[in-house]
Amino acid sequence: MGLCLSRDELAEISGRKQRGKVADWLAANGYRFDIAADGWPRVLRAAVDAKLMPTSGKRTMQRKEPDFSAYGTSTKTA
């Protein structure tokens, strides 16, 4: 496993196989990358991990009470 994603991994994450299309997808989805001498985007593995698995302490899901309004009764009690 290298420092950067392989061409196969770039194709897997982007759903594209052409280097230009891969670069377009990366840019559209907010990934930082450089273009190597061979024309292929270079994306650090750590950058992908950081984007896909944020480590902030914030919760991404919030609990919500069910909406019982269709039943015509209130869920709140005095």
C-alpha atoms as a PDB file:
ATOM      1  CA  MET A   1       0.000   0.000   0.000  1.00  0.00           C
ATOM      2  CA  GLY A   2       1.539   3.253  -1.141  1.00  0.00           C
ATOM      3  CA  LEU A   3       1.304   6.835  -0.011  1.00  0.00           C
ATOM      4  CA  CYS A   4      -1.081   7.681  -2.867  1.00  0.00           C
ATOM      5  CA  LEU A   5      -4.093   5.857  -4.263  1.00  0.00           C
ATOM      6  CA  SER A   6      -3.405   3.525  -7.169  1.00  0.00           C
ATOM      7  CA  ARG A   7      -5.122   3.938 -10.547  1.00  0.00           C
ATOM      8  CA  ASP A   8      -7.448   1.066  -9.653  1.00  0.00           C
ATOM      9  CA  GLU A   9      -8.351   2.749  -6.362  1.00  0.00           C
ATOM     10  CA  LEU A  10      -8.928   6.069  -8.131  1.00  0.00           C
ATOM     11  CA  ALA A  11     -11.220   4.313 -10.596  1.00  0.00           C
ATOM     12  CA  GLU A  12     -13.057   2.602  -7.749  1.00  0.00           C
ATOM     13  CA  ILE A  13     -13.655   5.742  -5.710  1.00  0.00           C
ATOM     14  CA  SER A  14     -14.619   7.904  -8.701  1.00  0.00           C
ATOM     15  CA  GLY A  15     -16.399   5.380 -10.881  1.00  0.00           C
ATOM     16  CA  ARG A  16     -14.296   6.691 -13.798  1.00  0.00           C
ATOM     17  CA  LYS A  17     -11.423   5.090 -15.715  1.00  0.00           C
ATOM     18  CA  GLN A  18     -10.018   7.983 -17.778  1.00  0.00           C
ATOM     19  CA  ARG A  19      -7.522  10.227 -16.029  1.00  0.00           C
ATOM     20  CA  GLY A  20      -9.291  13.442 -17.046  1.00  0.00           C
ATOM     21  CA  LYS A  21     -12.650  12.160 -15.815  1.00  0.00           C
ATOM     22  CA  VAL A  22     -11.066  10.991 -12.559  1.00  0.00           C
ATOM     23  CA  ALA A  23      -9.571  14.463 -12.037  1.00  0.00           C
ATOM     24  CA  ASP A  24     -12.938  16.108 -12.808  1.00  0.00           C
ATOM     25  CA  TRP A  25     -14.681  13.877 -10.262  1.00  0.00           C
ATOM     26  CA  LEU A  26     -12.054  14.520  -7.599  1.00  0.00           C
ATOM     27  CA  ALA A  27     -12.357  18.290  -8.077  1.00  0.00           C
ATOM     28  CA  ALA A  28     -16.170  18.191  -8.054  1.00  0.00           C
ATOM     29  CA  ASN A  29     -16.160  16.222  -4.797  1.00  0.00           C
ATOM     30  CA  GLY A  30     -13.666  18.382  -2.944  1.00  0.00           C
ATOM     31  CA  TYR A  31     -10.609  16.118  -2.984  1.00  0.00           C
ATOM     32  CA  ARG A  32      -7.221  17.809  -3.120  1.00  0.00           C
ATOM     33  CA  PHE A  33      -4.866  16.319  -5.678  1.00  0.00           C
ATOM     34  CA  ASP A  34      -1.892  17.016  -7.918  1.00  0.00           C
ATOM     35  CA  ILE A  35      -1.326  15.898 -11.472  1.00  0.00           C
ATOM     36  CA  ALA A  36       1.753  13.724 -11.955  1.00  0.00           C
ATOM     37  CA  ALA A  37       4.039  13.788 -14.992  1.00  0.00           C
ATOM     38  CA  ASP A  38       2.047  10.915 -16.542  1.00  0.00           C
ATOM     39  CA  GLY A  39      -1.142  13.000 -16.381  1.00  0.00           C
ATOM     40  CA  TRP A  40      -2.837  10.942 -13.657  1.00  0.00           C
ATOM     41  CA  PRO A  41      -4.114  12.611 -10.490  1.00  0.00           C
ATOM     42  CA  ARG A  42      -2.199  11.864  -7.306  1.00  0.00           C
ATOM     43  CA  VAL A  43      -4.321  11.730  -4.167  1.00  0.00           C
ATOM     44  CA  LEU A  44      -2.848  11.062  -0.757  1.00  0.00           C
ATOM     45  CA  ARG A  45      -4.427   8.076   0.955  1.00  0.00           C
ATOM     46  CA  ALA A  46      -4.558  10.100   4.189  1.00  0.00           C
ATOM     47  CA  ALA A  47      -6.604  12.819   2.430  1.00  0.00           C
ATOM     48  CA  VAL A  48      -9.212  10.274   1.347  1.00  0.00           C
ATOM     49  CA  ASP A  49      -9.322   8.733   4.818  1.00  0.00           C
ATOM     50  CA  ALA A  50      -9.754  12.168   6.403  1.00  0.00           C
ATOM     51  CA  LYS A  51     -12.589  13.078   4.026  1.00  0.00           C
ATOM     52  CA  LEU A  52     -14.451   9.792   4.336  1.00  0.00           C
ATOM     53  CA  MET A  53     -13.944   9.286   8.067  1.00  0.00           C
ATOM     54  CA  PRO A  54     -13.993  12.626   9.870  1.00  0.00           C
ATOM     55  CA  THR A  55     -12.564  12.353  13.361  1.00  0.00           C
ATOM     56  CA  SER A  56     -14.228  15.371  14.904  1.00  0.00           C
ATOM     57  CA  GLY A  57     -16.134  14.806  18.125  1.00  0.00           C
ATOM     58  CA  LYS A  58     -19.373  16.033  16.578  1.00  0.00           C
ATOM     59  CA  ARG A  59     -22.184  13.570  16.145  1.00  0.00           C
ATOM     60  CA  THR A  60     -23.414  13.253  12.607  1.00  0.00           C
ATOM     61  CA  MET A  61     -26.793  11.799  13.488  1.00  0.00           C
ATOM     62  CA  GLN A  62     -29.297  13.491  15.715  1.00  0.00           C
ATOM     63  CA  ARG A  63     -32.076  11.789  17.596  1.00  0.00           C
ATOM     64  CA  LYS A  64     -35.544  12.968  16.701  1.00  0.00           C
ATOM     65  CA  GLU A  65     -38.876  12.285  18.253  1.00  0.00           C
ATOM     66  CA  PRO A  66     -41.343  10.452  16.011  1.00  0.00           C
ATOM     67  CA  ASP A  67     -43.982  12.614  14.317  1.00  0.00           C
ATOM     68  CA  PHE A  68     -47.353  11.496  15.689  1.00  0.00           C
ATOM     69  CA  SER A  69     -49.269  14.434  14.208  1.00  0.00           C
ATOM     70  CA  ALA A  70     -51.103  12.148  11.776  1.00  0.00           C
ATOM     71  CA  TYR A  71     -52.805  10.483  14.768  1.00  0.00           C
ATOM     72  CA  GLY A  72     -54.264  13.770  15.986  1.00  0.00           C
ATOM     73  CA  THR A  73     -52.815  13.345  19.469  1.00  0.00           C
ATOM     74  CA  SER A  74     -50.022  15.122  21.190  1.00  0.00           C
ATOM     75  CA  THR A  75     -46.961  13.216  22.400  1.00  0.00           C
ATOM     76  CA  LYS A  76     -46.170  15.869  24.996  1.00  0.00           C
ATOM     77  CA  THR A  77     -47.563  15.527  28.507  1.00  0.00           C
ATOM     78  CA  ALA A  78     -47.895  18.327  31.003  1.00  0.00           C
END
